[in-house]
C-alpha atoms as a PDB file:
ATOM      1  CA  MET A   1      19.545  11.056  -7.963  1.00  0.00           C
ATOM      2  CA  ASP A   2      20.284  14.609  -6.845  1.00  0.00           C
ATOM      3  CA  PRO A   3      20.485  14.677  -3.003  1.00  0.00           C
ATOM      4  CA  ALA A   4      18.179  17.708  -2.908  1.00  0.00           C
ATOM      5  CA  ILE A   5      15.483  15.839  -4.853  1.00  0.00           C
ATOM      6  CA  ARG A   6      15.890  12.822  -2.596  1.00  0.00           C
ATOM      7  CA  LEU A   7      15.534  15.057   0.468  1.00  0.00           C
ATOM      8  CA  VAL A   8      12.352  16.661  -0.876  1.00  0.00           C
ATOM      9  CA  ILE A   9      10.767  13.261  -1.560  1.00  0.00           C
ATOM     10  CA  VAL A  10      11.690  11.825   1.828  1.00  0.00           C
ATOM     11  CA  ALA A  11      10.603  14.968   3.680  1.00  0.00           C
ATOM     12  CA  SER A  12       7.302  15.120   1.798  1.00  0.00           C
ATOM     13  CA  LEU A  13       6.384  11.531   2.650  1.00  0.00           C
ATOM     14  CA  VAL A  14       7.434  11.915   6.284  1.00  0.00           C
ATOM     15  CA  ILE A  15       5.423  15.140   6.646  1.00  0.00           C
ATOM     16  CA  LEU A  16       2.344  13.600   5.025  1.00  0.00           C
ATOM     17  CA  SER A  17       2.630  10.591   7.312  1.00  0.00           C
ATOM     18  CA  GLY A  18       3.077  12.865  10.331  1.00  0.00           C
ATOM     19  CA  LEU A  19      -0.028  14.877   9.468  1.00  0.00           C
ATOM     20  CA  ALA A  20      -1.993  11.663   8.994  1.00  0.00           C
ATOM     21  CA  TRP A  21      -0.782  10.411  12.374  1.00  0.00           C
ATOM     22  CA  ALA A  22      -1.810  13.691  14.012  1.00  0.00           C
ATOM     23  CA  TRP A  23      -5.316  13.330  12.579  1.00  0.00           C
ATOM     24  CA  THR A  24      -5.481   9.672  13.598  1.00  0.00           C
ATOM     25  CA  VAL A  25      -4.478  10.435  17.188  1.00  0.00           C
ATOM     26  CA  ALA A  26      -7.130  13.159  17.352  1.00  0.00           C
ATOM     27  CA  ALA A  27      -9.757  10.765  15.982  1.00  0.00           C
ATOM     28  CA  ALA A  28      -8.745   7.808  18.156  1.00  0.00           C
ATOM     29  CA  ALA A  29     -11.274   8.677  20.854  1.00  0.00           C
ATOM     30  CA  MET A  30     -14.095   8.267  18.344  1.00  0.00           C
ATOM     31  CA  PRO A  31     -16.115   5.166  19.358  1.00  0.00           C
ATOM     32  CA  ASP A  32     -17.363   2.668  16.772  1.00  0.00           C
ATOM     33  CA  CYS A  33     -15.800   4.512  13.844  1.00  0.00           C
ATOM     34  CA  HIS A  34     -17.476   2.226  11.307  1.00  0.00           C
ATOM     35  CA  LEU A  35     -20.865   3.553  12.453  1.00  0.00           C
ATOM     36  CA  LEU A  36     -20.023   6.855  10.760  1.00  0.00           C
ATOM     37  CA  GLY A  37     -21.187   5.454   7.426  1.00  0.00           C
ATOM     38  CA  LEU A  38     -19.269   4.157   4.432  1.00  0.00           C
ATOM     39  CA  GLY A  39     -18.024   7.484   3.030  1.00  0.00           C
ATOM     40  CA  PRO A  40     -16.558   8.918   6.261  1.00  0.00           C
ATOM     41  CA  PHE A  41     -15.148   5.502   7.158  1.00  0.00           C
ATOM     42  CA  VAL A  42     -13.289   5.190   3.841  1.00  0.00           C
ATOM     43  CA  ILE A  43     -11.817   8.682   4.320  1.00  0.00           C
ATOM     44  CA  MET A  44     -10.732   7.799   7.853  1.00  0.00           C
ATOM     45  CA  TRP A  45      -9.318   4.454   6.679  1.00  0.00           C
ATOM     46  CA  THR A  46      -7.318   6.104   3.882  1.00  0.00           C
ATOM     47  CA  ILE A  47      -5.806   8.650   6.278  1.00  0.00           C
ATOM     48  CA  MET A  48      -4.868   5.845   8.669  1.00  0.00           C
ATOM     49  CA  MET A  49      -3.197   3.935   5.845  1.00  0.00           C
ATOM     50  CA  ALA A  50      -1.268   7.068   4.868  1.00  0.00           C
ATOM     51  CA  ALA A  51      -0.028   7.333   8.443  1.00  0.00           C
ATOM     52  CA  MET A  52       1.032   3.700   8.649  1.00  0.00           C
ATOM     53  CA  MET A  53       2.301   3.015   5.129  1.00  0.00           C
ATOM     54  CA  LEU A  54       3.929   6.138   3.678  1.00  0.00           C
ATOM     55  CA  PRO A  55       7.257   5.846   5.563  1.00  0.00           C
ATOM     56  CA  SER A  56       7.796   2.351   4.149  1.00  0.00           C
ATOM     57  CA  MET A  57       7.001   3.691   0.660  1.00  0.00           C
ATOM     58  CA  ILE A  58      10.061   5.941   0.573  1.00  0.00           C
ATOM     59  CA  PRO A  59      12.344   3.500  -1.344  1.00  0.00           C
ATOM     60  CA  VAL A  60       9.785   2.745  -4.064  1.00  0.00           C
ATOM     61  CA  VAL A  61       8.914   6.430  -4.564  1.00  0.00           C
ATOM     62  CA  LEU A  62      12.618   7.271  -4.868  1.00  0.00           C
ATOM     63  CA  ALA A  63      13.077   4.455  -7.383  1.00  0.00           C
ATOM     64  CA  PHE A  64       9.959   5.509  -9.298  1.00  0.00           C
ATOM     65  CA  THR A  65      11.190   9.105  -9.542  1.00  0.00           C
ATOM     66  CA  ALA A  66      14.592   7.939 -10.764  1.00  0.00           C
ATOM     67  CA  PHE A  67      12.929   5.708 -13.386  1.00  0.00           C
ATOM     68  CA  THR A  68      10.740   8.584 -14.528  1.00  0.00           C
ATOM     69  CA  ARG A  69      13.723  10.901 -14.863  1.00  0.00           C
ATOM     70  CA  THR A  70      15.893   8.471 -16.804  1.00  0.00           C
ATOM     71  CA  ARG A  71      13.270   7.127 -19.205  1.00  0.00           C
ATOM     72  CA  ARG A  72      13.299   9.389 -22.233  1.00  0.00           C
ATOM     73  CA  GLY A  73      10.134  10.797 -23.711  1.00  0.00           C
ATOM     74  CA  GLU A  74       9.193  11.203 -27.350  1.00  0.00           C
ATOM     75  CA  THR A  75      11.757  13.996 -27.740  1.00  0.00           C
ATOM     76  CA  GLY A  76      14.554  11.671 -26.652  1.00  0.00           C
ATOM     77  CA  ARG A  77      15.413  13.954 -23.740  1.00  0.00           C
ATOM     78  CA  VAL A  78      15.443  13.157 -20.057  1.00  0.00           C
ATOM     79  CA  ARG A  79      12.180  14.276 -18.482  1.00  0.00           C
ATOM     80  CA  PRO A  80      12.407  17.459 -16.360  1.00  0.00           C
ATOM     81  CA  ILE A  81      12.165  17.145 -12.600  1.00  0.00           C
ATOM     82  CA  SER A  82       8.822  18.986 -12.620  1.00  0.00           C
ATOM     83  CA  ILE A  83       7.253  16.184 -14.675  1.00  0.00           C
ATOM     84  CA  ALA A  84       8.914  13.568 -12.484  1.00  0.00           C
ATOM     85  CA  GLY A  85       7.532  15.323  -9.397  1.00  0.00           C
ATOM     86  CA  VAL A  86       3.982  15.346 -10.756  1.00  0.00           C
ATOM     87  CA  ALA A  87       4.321  11.685 -11.716  1.00  0.00           C
ATOM     88  CA  ALA A  88       5.572  10.822  -8.218  1.00  0.00           C
ATOM     89  CA  GLY A  89       2.592  12.635  -6.699  1.00  0.00           C
ATOM     90  CA  LEU A  90       0.226  10.667  -8.915  1.00  0.00           C
ATOM     91  CA  PHE A  91       2.018   7.438  -8.024  1.00  0.00           C
ATOM     92  CA  VAL A  92       1.479   8.081  -4.303  1.00  0.00           C
ATOM     93  CA  SER A  93      -2.111   9.158  -4.975  1.00  0.00           C
ATOM     94  CA  GLY A  94      -2.808   5.928  -6.850  1.00  0.00           C
ATOM     95  CA  TYR A  95      -1.338   3.969  -3.959  1.00  0.00           C
ATOM     96  CA  LEU A  96      -3.684   5.685  -1.501  1.00  0.00           C
ATOM     97  CA  VAL A  97      -6.653   5.238  -3.852  1.00  0.00           C
ATOM     98  CA  ALA A  98      -6.026   1.486  -3.817  1.00  0.00           C
ATOM     99  CA  TRP A  99      -5.996   1.453  -0.033  1.00  0.00           C
ATOM    100  CA  GLY A 100      -9.095   3.651   0.047  1.00  0.00           C
ATOM    101  CA  LEU A 101     -10.992   1.197  -2.151  1.00  0.00           C
ATOM    102  CA  LEU A 102      -9.991  -1.605   0.194  1.00  0.00           C
ATOM    103  CA  GLY A 103     -11.683   0.360   2.954  1.00  0.00           C
ATOM    104  CA  VAL A 104     -15.028  -0.733   1.473  1.00  0.00           C
ATOM    105  CA  PRO A 105     -14.634  -4.447   2.334  1.00  0.00           C
ATOM    106  CA  ALA A 106     -13.071  -3.450   5.675  1.00  0.00           C
ATOM    107  CA  TYR A 107     -16.200  -1.422   6.453  1.00  0.00           C
ATOM    108  CA  ALA A 108     -18.420  -4.323   5.404  1.00  0.00           C
ATOM    109  CA  LEU A 109     -16.554  -6.747   7.671  1.00  0.00           C
ATOM    110  CA  LEU A 110     -16.725  -4.450  10.697  1.00  0.00           C
ATOM    111  CA  GLU A 111     -20.389  -3.650  10.111  1.00  0.00           C
ATOM    112  CA  THR A 112     -21.248  -7.335   9.719  1.00  0.00           C
ATOM    113  CA  ALA A 113     -19.343  -8.284  12.874  1.00  0.00           C
ATOM    114  CA  THR A 114     -21.112  -5.544  14.838  1.00  0.00           C
ATOM    115  CA  ARG A 115     -24.558  -6.618  13.670  1.00  0.00           C
ATOM    116  CA  LEU A 116     -23.866 -10.267  14.442  1.00  0.00           C
ATOM    117  CA  THR A 117     -22.611  -9.341  17.901  1.00  0.00           C
ATOM    118  CA  ASP A 118     -25.691  -7.204  18.575  1.00  0.00           C
ATOM    119  CA  THR A 119     -28.245  -9.712  17.288  1.00  0.00           C
ATOM    120  CA  LEU A 120     -26.734 -13.104  18.091  1.00  0.00           C
ATOM    121  CA  PRO A 121     -25.741 -13.637  21.741  1.00  0.00           C
ATOM    122  CA  ALA A 122     -23.918 -16.833  20.761  1.00  0.00           C
ATOM    123  CA  PHE A 123     -21.693 -14.901  18.360  1.00  0.00           C
ATOM    124  CA  ALA A 124     -20.934 -12.303  21.019  1.00  0.00           C
ATOM    125  CA  ALA A 125     -20.062 -15.056  23.498  1.00  0.00           C
ATOM    126  CA  ALA A 126     -17.764 -16.653  20.927  1.00  0.00           C
ATOM    127  CA  GLY A 127     -15.875 -13.382  20.402  1.00  0.00           C
ATOM    128  CA  PRO A 128     -12.661 -14.466  22.176  1.00  0.00           C
ATOM    129  CA  VAL A 129     -12.603 -17.752  20.239  1.00  0.00           C
ATOM    130  CA  VAL A 130     -13.212 -16.008  16.907  1.00  0.00           C
ATOM    131  CA  GLY A 131     -10.553 -13.428  17.740  1.00  0.00           C
ATOM    132  CA  GLY A 132      -8.053 -16.125  18.673  1.00  0.00           C
ATOM    133  CA  LEU A 133      -8.686 -18.078  15.482  1.00  0.00           C
ATOM    134  CA  LEU A 134      -8.304 -14.922  13.397  1.00  0.00           C
ATOM    135  CA  LEU A 135      -4.980 -14.113  15.061  1.00  0.00           C
ATOM    136  CA  ILE A 136      -3.752 -17.637  14.298  1.00  0.00           C
ATOM    137  CA  ALA A 137      -4.931 -17.355  10.682  1.00  0.00           C
ATOM    138  CA  CYS A 138      -3.157 -14.009  10.337  1.00  0.00           C
ATOM    139  CA  GLY A 139       0.001 -15.479  11.794  1.00  0.00           C
ATOM    140  CA  VAL A 140      -0.098 -18.405   9.370  1.00  0.00           C
ATOM    141  CA  TYR A 141      -0.589 -16.017   6.429  1.00  0.00           C
ATOM    142  CA  GLN A 142       2.623 -14.232   7.426  1.00  0.00           C
ATOM    143  CA  LEU A 143       4.461 -17.498   6.702  1.00  0.00           C
ATOM    144  CA  THR A 144       2.938 -18.234   3.276  1.00  0.00           C
ATOM    145  CA  PRO A 145       4.528 -17.927  -0.201  1.00  0.00           C
ATOM    146  CA  LEU A 146       1.817 -15.404  -1.168  1.00  0.00           C
ATOM    147  CA  LYS A 147       2.908 -13.096   1.622  1.00  0.00           C
ATOM    148  CA  ASP A 148       6.548 -13.520   0.563  1.00  0.00           C
ATOM    149  CA  ALA A 149       5.733 -12.766  -3.093  1.00  0.00           C
ATOM    150  CA  CYS A 150       3.894  -9.553  -2.223  1.00  0.00           C
ATOM    151  CA  LEU A 151       6.620  -8.516   0.209  1.00  0.00           C
ATOM    152  CA  ARG A 152       9.293  -9.090  -2.442  1.00  0.00           C
ATOM    153  CA  HIS A 153       7.669  -6.488  -4.698  1.00  0.00           C
ATOM    154  CA  CYS A 154       7.653  -4.031  -1.785  1.00  0.00           C
ATOM    155  CA  ARG A 155      11.234  -4.770  -0.711  1.00  0.00           C
ATOM    156  CA  VAL A 156      12.749  -4.655  -4.209  1.00  0.00           C
ATOM    157  CA  PRO A 157      11.291  -1.573  -5.969  1.00  0.00           C
ATOM    158  CA  HIS A 158      13.228  -2.166  -9.189  1.00  0.00           C
ATOM    159  CA  LEU A 159      11.666  -5.619  -9.466  1.00  0.00           C
ATOM    160  CA  PHE A 160       8.168  -4.151  -9.255  1.00  0.00           C
ATOM    161  CA  LEU A 161       8.903  -1.200 -11.551  1.00  0.00           C
ATOM    162  CA  GLY A 162      10.709  -3.333 -14.107  1.00  0.00           C
ATOM    163  CA  HIS A 163       7.833  -5.807 -14.367  1.00  0.00           C
ATOM    164  CA  HIS A 164       4.909  -3.398 -14.282  1.00  0.00           C
ATOM    165  CA  TRP A 165       6.154  -0.047 -15.615  1.00  0.00           C
ATOM    166  CA  ARG A 166       3.651   2.178 -17.436  1.00  0.00           C
ATOM    167  CA  ASP A 167       4.566   5.420 -19.169  1.00  0.00           C
ATOM    168  CA  GLY A 168       2.776   8.738 -18.790  1.00  0.00           C
ATOM    169  CA  LEU A 169       0.977  10.457 -15.947  1.00  0.00           C
ATOM    170  CA  GLY A 170      -1.981   8.105 -16.230  1.00  0.00           C
ATOM    171  CA  GLY A 171       0.475   5.247 -16.065  1.00  0.00           C
ATOM    172  CA  ALA A 172       1.926   6.704 -12.853  1.00  0.00           C
ATOM    173  CA  LEU A 173      -1.516   6.715 -11.231  1.00  0.00           C
ATOM    174  CA  ALA A 174      -2.246   3.153 -12.388  1.00  0.00           C
ATOM    175  CA  LEU A 175       1.189   1.968 -11.280  1.00  0.00           C
ATOM    176  CA  GLY A 176       0.611   3.463  -7.829  1.00  0.00           C
ATOM    177  CA  MET A 177      -2.674   1.585  -7.553  1.00  0.00           C
ATOM    178  CA  HIS A 178      -0.940  -1.611  -8.664  1.00  0.00           C
ATOM    179  CA  HIS A 179       1.728  -1.167  -6.014  1.00  0.00           C
ATOM    180  CA  GLY A 180      -0.983  -0.468  -3.445  1.00  0.00           C
ATOM    181  CA  LEU A 181      -2.527  -3.861  -4.187  1.00  0.00           C
ATOM    182  CA  TYR A 182       0.827  -5.600  -3.691  1.00  0.00           C
ATOM    183  CA  CYS A 183       1.230  -3.702  -0.427  1.00  0.00           C
ATOM    184  CA  ALA A 184      -2.251  -4.760   0.640  1.00  0.00           C
ATOM    185  CA  GLY A 185      -1.332  -8.369  -0.081  1.00  0.00           C
ATOM    186  CA  CYS A 186       1.773  -7.911   2.024  1.00  0.00           C
ATOM    187  CA  CYS A 187      -0.053  -6.267   4.943  1.00  0.00           C
ATOM    188  CA  ALA A 188      -3.464  -7.981   4.750  1.00  0.00           C
ATOM    189  CA  SER A 189      -2.990 -10.108   7.843  1.00  0.00           C
ATOM    190  CA  LEU A 190      -1.753  -7.154   9.894  1.00  0.00           C
ATOM    191  CA  MET A 191      -4.790  -5.089   8.899  1.00  0.00           C
ATOM    192  CA  VAL A 192      -7.083  -7.930   9.983  1.00  0.00           C
ATOM    193  CA  VAL A 193      -5.227  -7.984  13.305  1.00  0.00           C
ATOM    194  CA  LEU A 194      -5.905  -4.266  13.675  1.00  0.00           C
ATOM    195  CA  MET A 195      -9.622  -4.859  13.125  1.00  0.00           C
ATOM    196  CA  VAL A 196      -9.588  -7.669  15.696  1.00  0.00           C
ATOM    197  CA  VAL A 197      -7.905  -5.622  18.443  1.00  0.00           C
ATOM    198  CA  GLY A 198      -9.675  -2.348  17.606  1.00  0.00           C
ATOM    199  CA  LEU A 199      -9.251  -0.249  14.496  1.00  0.00           C
ATOM    200  CA  MET A 200      -8.375   2.917  16.409  1.00  0.00           C
ATOM    201  CA  ASN A 201      -6.118   1.202  18.946  1.00  0.00           C
ATOM    202  CA  LEU A 202      -3.084   3.494  18.767  1.00  0.00           C
ATOM    203  CA  THR A 203      -0.739   1.110  20.570  1.00  0.00           C
ATOM    204  CA  TRP A 204      -1.409  -1.643  18.047  1.00  0.00           C
ATOM    205  CA  MET A 205      -1.308   0.811  15.149  1.00  0.00           C
ATOM    206  CA  ILE A 206       2.175   1.936  16.156  1.00  0.00           C
ATOM    207  CA  GLY A 207       3.369  -1.636  16.687  1.00  0.00           C
ATOM    208  CA  LEU A 208       1.995  -2.877  13.373  1.00  0.00           C
ATOM    209  CA  SER A 209       3.402   0.179  11.573  1.00  0.00           C
ATOM    210  CA  ALA A 210       6.827  -0.677  12.970  1.00  0.00           C
ATOM    211  CA  ILE A 211       6.517  -4.273  11.737  1.00  0.00           C
ATOM    212  CA  ILE A 212       5.445  -3.073   8.277  1.00  0.00           C
ATOM    213  CA  TYR A 213       8.379  -0.666   8.075  1.00  0.00           C
ATOM    214  CA  LEU A 214      10.950  -3.180   9.294  1.00  0.00           C
ATOM    215  CA  GLU A 215       9.849  -6.066   7.085  1.00  0.00           C
ATOM    216  CA  LYS A 216       9.921  -3.826   3.999  1.00  0.00           C
ATOM    217  CA  ILE A 217      13.076  -1.829   4.711  1.00  0.00           C
ATOM    218  CA  VAL A 218      15.659  -3.629   6.842  1.00  0.00           C
ATOM    219  CA  PRO A 219      17.977  -6.247   5.276  1.00  0.00           C
ATOM    220  CA  ARG A 220      16.451  -9.108   7.291  1.00  0.00           C
ATOM    221  CA  GLY A 221      12.890  -7.965   6.777  1.00  0.00           C
ATOM    222  CA  LEU A 222      11.705 -11.451   5.834  1.00  0.00           C
ATOM    223  CA  VAL A 223      12.786 -12.656   9.266  1.00  0.00           C
ATOM    224  CA  VAL A 224      10.832  -9.810  10.880  1.00  0.00           C
ATOM    225  CA  GLY A 225       7.696 -10.819   8.980  1.00  0.00           C
ATOM    226  CA  ARG A 226       8.026 -14.466   9.952  1.00  0.00           C
ATOM    227  CA  ALA A 227       8.726 -13.580  13.582  1.00  0.00           C
ATOM    228  CA  ALA A 228       5.570 -11.466  13.578  1.00  0.00           C
ATOM    229  CA  GLY A 229       3.656 -14.431  12.174  1.00  0.00           C
ATOM    230  CA  ILE A 230       4.889 -16.750  14.914  1.00  0.00           C
ATOM    231  CA  ALA A 231       4.056 -14.132  17.558  1.00  0.00           C
ATOM    232  CA  LEU A 232       0.523 -13.752  16.181  1.00  0.00           C
ATOM    233  CA  CYS A 233      -0.002 -17.516  16.250  1.00  0.00           C
ATOM    234  CA  ALA A 234       1.181 -17.578  19.866  1.00  0.00           C
ATOM    235  CA  ALA A 235      -1.122 -14.678  20.765  1.00  0.00           C
ATOM    236  CA  GLY A 236      -4.051 -16.441  19.124  1.00  0.00           C
ATOM    237  CA  ILE A 237      -3.384 -19.682  20.995  1.00  0.00           C
ATOM    238  CA  ALA A 238      -3.051 -17.760  24.266  1.00  0.00           C
ATOM    239  CA  ARG A 239      -6.400 -16.107  23.591  1.00  0.00           C
ATOM    240  CA  LEU A 240      -8.051 -19.469  22.956  1.00  0.00           C
ATOM    241  CA  VAL A 241      -6.802 -21.077  26.163  1.00  0.00           C
ATOM    242  CA  ALA A 242      -7.284 -18.023  28.395  1.00  0.00           C
END
């Protein structure tokens, strides 16, 4: 791939992530964000996911753009970079749409937990125990074959693209959504952790973002993911015995 094209893609994703982080930091002081209502919550959730996930998407977007350029259209010619750029934008958009849709069950979980806490004193009193058990469950998930399978599709873009490729601009959007679902499977436990410790907790957001980036990008990313799982189990146990 032309270095200039690579630079544009990387810079675009970094800038988008930076803008999303700026918005997230500004919104972090907002209490009980899920009380905003479903629509505003999903928008907020999607922006947060853009902040946390886009840097780790760089390899797959680069690979997708290269695939788009080299696959020949009906004319038998290599597609122009303008078409590849539009397709890459749709791919990223589809990815964020998938995460946005997952904001609906996230909203439902937070709303349900809040109502139970407000109406059932026993549930509120059991909060530390529930939180500890959830941290342990999230840690165990980090060690499962399902987590590894989803992570493999994120770590090896050509594996994902080769198995699931779809032609056309509509295919780019659908493929982005498909990749978003794999990413959600990879990061599900970490997102649950974020809801346990506080959805707008910037310290945890930054830490979890670093884990997501490292386990997807660095050569020993699988080790990072498993280490995070063990740490979460330990944190959950510590919370239970505290």
